[in-house]
Protein backbone atom coordinates (compact mmCIF):
# COMPACT_ATOMS: atom_id res chain seq x y z
CA UNK A 1 14.24 -78.59 267.26
CA UNK A 2 11.30 -80.51 266.97
CA UNK A 3 11.32 -83.86 268.99
CA UNK A 4 9.48 -87.09 268.60
CA UNK A 5 7.49 -86.42 271.35
CA UNK A 6 6.44 -83.08 270.50
CA UNK A 7 5.53 -84.15 267.07
CA UNK A 8 3.46 -87.10 268.17
CA UNK A 9 1.49 -84.66 270.61
CA UNK A 10 0.77 -82.27 267.74
CA UNK A 11 0.02 -85.81 265.89
CA UNK A 12 -2.55 -87.01 268.74
CA UNK A 13 -4.03 -83.57 269.29
CA UNK A 14 -7.92 -83.79 268.22
CA UNK A 15 -8.02 -79.91 267.78
CA UNK A 16 -5.53 -80.05 264.59
CA UNK A 17 -7.43 -82.89 263.16
CA UNK A 18 -10.96 -81.00 263.56
CA UNK A 19 -9.37 -78.05 261.74
CA UNK A 20 -7.74 -79.75 259.02
CA UNK A 21 -11.30 -81.53 258.18
CA UNK A 22 -13.10 -78.47 258.45
CA UNK A 23 -10.72 -76.92 255.84
CA UNK A 24 -10.81 -79.75 253.34
CA UNK A 25 -14.91 -79.84 253.91
CA UNK A 26 -14.60 -75.89 253.37
CA UNK A 27 -12.54 -76.42 250.42
CA UNK A 28 -14.94 -79.11 248.80
CA UNK A 29 -17.73 -76.71 248.62
CA UNK A 30 -16.44 -74.01 247.37
CA UNK A 31 -15.64 -76.16 244.59
CA UNK A 32 -18.63 -77.69 244.33
CA UNK A 33 -20.68 -74.49 244.39
CA UNK A 34 -18.22 -72.57 241.78
CA UNK A 35 -19.24 -76.33 239.58
CA UNK A 36 -22.96 -75.50 240.20
CA UNK A 37 -22.89 -71.82 239.11
CA UNK A 38 -21.16 -72.68 235.77
CA UNK A 39 -24.15 -74.43 234.67
CA UNK A 40 -26.54 -71.90 235.07
CA UNK A 41 -24.87 -69.33 233.17
CA UNK A 42 -22.53 -69.83 230.66
CA UNK A 43 -18.97 -68.18 231.86
CA UNK A 44 -18.27 -67.39 228.04
CA UNK A 45 -19.61 -64.47 226.09
CA UNK A 46 -19.82 -66.86 223.05
CA UNK A 47 -22.00 -69.20 224.98
CA UNK A 48 -24.10 -66.12 226.72
CA UNK A 49 -24.85 -64.98 223.50
CA UNK A 50 -26.48 -68.29 222.11
CA UNK A 51 -28.46 -69.10 225.17
CA UNK A 52 -30.16 -65.06 224.66
CA UNK A 53 -30.26 -65.77 221.13
CA UNK A 54 -32.30 -68.73 221.56
CA UNK A 55 -34.44 -67.49 224.41
CA UNK A 56 -35.32 -64.31 222.79
CA UNK A 57 -36.46 -66.32 219.50
CA UNK A 58 -38.10 -69.00 221.33
CA UNK A 59 -40.42 -66.08 223.30
CA UNK A 60 -40.87 -64.31 220.41
CA UNK A 61 -44.13 -64.76 218.35
CA UNK A 62 -43.20 -66.21 214.73
CA UNK A 63 -44.65 -63.04 213.54
CA UNK A 64 -41.73 -61.23 214.99
CA UNK A 65 -39.14 -63.51 213.13
CA UNK A 66 -40.40 -61.67 209.86
CA UNK A 67 -40.84 -64.74 207.70
CA UNK A 68 -43.28 -64.46 205.44
CA UNK A 69 -45.93 -67.17 204.05
CA UNK A 70 -46.23 -69.01 207.14
CA UNK A 71 -49.46 -69.88 208.46
CA UNK A 72 -49.57 -71.18 212.08
CA UNK A 73 -52.37 -73.16 213.32
CA UNK A 74 -54.13 -72.49 216.87
CA UNK A 75 -54.59 -75.55 218.73
CA UNK A 76 -58.20 -76.11 218.96
CA UNK A 77 -59.23 -76.12 222.45
CA UNK A 78 -61.37 -73.25 224.42
CA UNK A 79 -58.04 -71.22 225.54
CA UNK A 80 -56.99 -70.97 222.28
CA UNK A 81 -52.95 -71.78 223.39
CA UNK A 82 -50.24 -70.67 221.20
CA UNK A 83 -47.90 -73.70 220.50
CA UNK A 84 -44.38 -73.25 221.51
CA UNK A 85 -41.58 -72.32 219.57
CA UNK A 86 -38.40 -74.26 219.92
CA UNK A 87 -34.99 -72.86 218.03
CA UNK A 88 -31.73 -73.66 217.86
CA UNK A 89 -29.00 -71.08 217.16
CA UNK A 90 -25.54 -70.72 215.63
CA UNK A 91 -23.57 -67.65 216.60
CA UNK A 92 -21.25 -66.04 213.15
CA UNK A 93 -20.29 -63.14 215.37
CA UNK A 94 -21.12 -60.09 217.46
CA UNK A 95 -20.39 -56.34 217.09
CA UNK A 96 -18.27 -54.87 218.58
CA UNK A 97 -16.07 -57.83 218.46
CA UNK A 98 -13.96 -56.80 221.07
CA UNK A 99 -16.15 -56.78 223.88
CA UNK A 100 -16.06 -59.15 226.70
CA UNK A 101 -19.43 -59.06 228.66
CA UNK A 102 -22.64 -59.46 227.42
CA UNK A 103 -24.31 -55.98 227.98
CA UNK A 104 -21.67 -54.67 225.45
CA UNK A 105 -23.24 -56.17 222.50
CA UNK A 106 -24.72 -54.57 220.38
CA UNK A 107 -25.52 -56.96 217.42
CA UNK A 108 -25.24 -60.26 216.52
CA UNK A 109 -25.06 -62.21 213.82
CA UNK A 110 -26.20 -65.80 213.37
CA UNK A 111 -28.55 -68.75 211.93
CA UNK A 112 -31.34 -69.70 213.56
CA UNK A 113 -33.80 -73.00 212.85
CA UNK A 114 -37.26 -72.76 214.95
CA UNK A 115 -40.07 -75.35 214.64
CA UNK A 116 -43.56 -74.28 215.90
CA UNK A 117 -44.54 -77.35 218.26
CA UNK A 118 -47.96 -77.73 217.31
CA UNK A 119 -49.04 -80.61 219.60
CA UNK A 120 -48.63 -84.17 217.95
CA UNK A 121 -47.29 -82.84 215.33
CA UNK A 122 -43.72 -84.74 214.16
CA UNK A 123 -40.81 -82.57 213.10
CA UNK A 124 -40.85 -83.13 209.50
CA UNK A 125 -44.68 -81.87 209.19
CA UNK A 126 -43.61 -78.85 211.83
CA UNK A 127 -43.76 -75.18 210.57
CA UNK A 128 -40.18 -74.23 210.30
CA UNK A 129 -38.67 -70.48 210.61
CA UNK A 130 -34.84 -70.72 209.11
CA UNK A 131 -32.25 -68.79 208.04
CA UNK A 132 -29.45 -66.04 208.77
CA UNK A 133 -30.56 -63.67 211.79
CA UNK A 134 -29.43 -60.34 212.93
CA UNK A 135 -30.01 -59.48 216.60
CA UNK A 136 -30.25 -55.82 217.80
CA UNK A 137 -28.81 -56.48 221.21
CA UNK A 138 -28.92 -52.82 221.98
CA UNK A 139 -32.98 -52.64 223.41
CA UNK A 140 -35.26 -54.71 225.07
CA UNK A 141 -36.74 -56.94 223.82
CA UNK A 142 -33.80 -57.50 221.00
CA UNK A 143 -34.67 -56.62 217.75
CA UNK A 144 -34.70 -59.66 215.42
CA UNK A 145 -33.87 -59.48 211.37
CA UNK A 146 -34.07 -61.89 209.28
CA UNK A 147 -32.38 -62.29 205.65
CA UNK A 148 -35.12 -63.06 203.33
CA UNK A 149 -35.00 -62.33 199.32
CA UNK A 150 -37.43 -59.27 197.92
CA UNK A 151 -38.87 -59.31 194.82
CA UNK A 152 -36.05 -57.32 193.19
CA UNK A 153 -32.91 -58.95 195.32
CA UNK A 154 -31.99 -62.16 195.76
CA UNK A 155 -31.05 -64.27 198.61
CA UNK A 156 -27.68 -63.84 198.25
CA UNK A 157 -27.20 -60.47 197.20
CA UNK A 158 -29.40 -59.35 200.35
CA UNK A 159 -27.38 -61.61 202.31
CA UNK A 160 -24.25 -59.50 201.54
CA UNK A 161 -26.18 -56.31 202.37
CA UNK A 162 -26.97 -57.29 205.59
CA UNK A 163 -24.08 -58.89 207.14
CA UNK A 164 -20.47 -57.97 207.03
CA UNK A 165 -18.23 -60.07 204.78
CA UNK A 166 -16.66 -62.07 207.36
CA UNK A 167 -19.82 -63.48 208.70
CA UNK A 168 -21.49 -63.23 205.14
CA UNK A 169 -19.07 -66.07 204.25
CA UNK A 170 -19.95 -68.11 207.32
CA UNK A 171 -23.53 -67.83 206.48
CA UNK A 172 -23.27 -69.38 203.59
CA UNK A 173 -21.65 -72.57 204.21
CA UNK A 174 -22.65 -73.37 208.19
CA UNK A 175 -25.79 -73.94 209.60
CA UNK A 176 -26.29 -75.42 213.18
CA UNK A 177 -23.78 -77.90 214.28
CA UNK A 178 -24.62 -81.24 214.71
CA UNK A 179 -24.94 -81.11 218.79
CA UNK A 180 -27.44 -77.70 218.47
CA UNK A 181 -29.46 -79.67 215.67
CA UNK A 182 -29.59 -82.80 217.74
CA UNK A 183 -30.76 -80.61 221.09
CA UNK A 184 -33.41 -78.88 218.78
CA UNK A 185 -34.92 -82.09 217.89
CA UNK A 186 -34.88 -83.69 221.15
CA UNK A 187 -36.50 -80.45 222.44
CA UNK A 188 -39.00 -79.98 220.14
CA UNK A 189 -40.64 -83.62 220.28
CA UNK A 190 -40.57 -82.95 224.11
CA UNK A 191 -43.07 -79.57 223.35
CA UNK A 192 -45.09 -81.24 220.87
CA UNK A 193 -45.68 -84.48 222.90
CA UNK A 194 -44.16 -86.53 219.98
């Protein structure tokens, strides 16, 4: 049985309180580390795929996006620096659909809208690369294939040839989410110095 005197002695013991404080500080540190780590890399597969798509498209030369008919001007400086490519993306789906790790994803179906951020060029005048895109994630760097009409095949027919039906239906209806578009415009303006 606990007596009043023994409880008061325990309550006044400074070593017990030091242990309680250390335990609370340790628990708080663990929570902060886990929270900070989630900002560096998305925990969900969809977020990881979105980040990988955006990074791949922004690091690729515009010619690798396989868009025809775009002439990208070089900056008129002595070093001929290439302008940054700033992209917004939307993931429609991926194959195999049952995987849970980014390393297991083979093919991604989505949409991209990229602007070539030439210095002092506003968004409305920027060269843009846009449309449904397929990324082959089984190779390094990932392969990029855009859906474009050909001389003999209309765009909608080409989309249906390249995309599985469930993703082709989404590609006909949805592009970038409003939040992704706002982020794209903000990042473009920063890169273009506008």
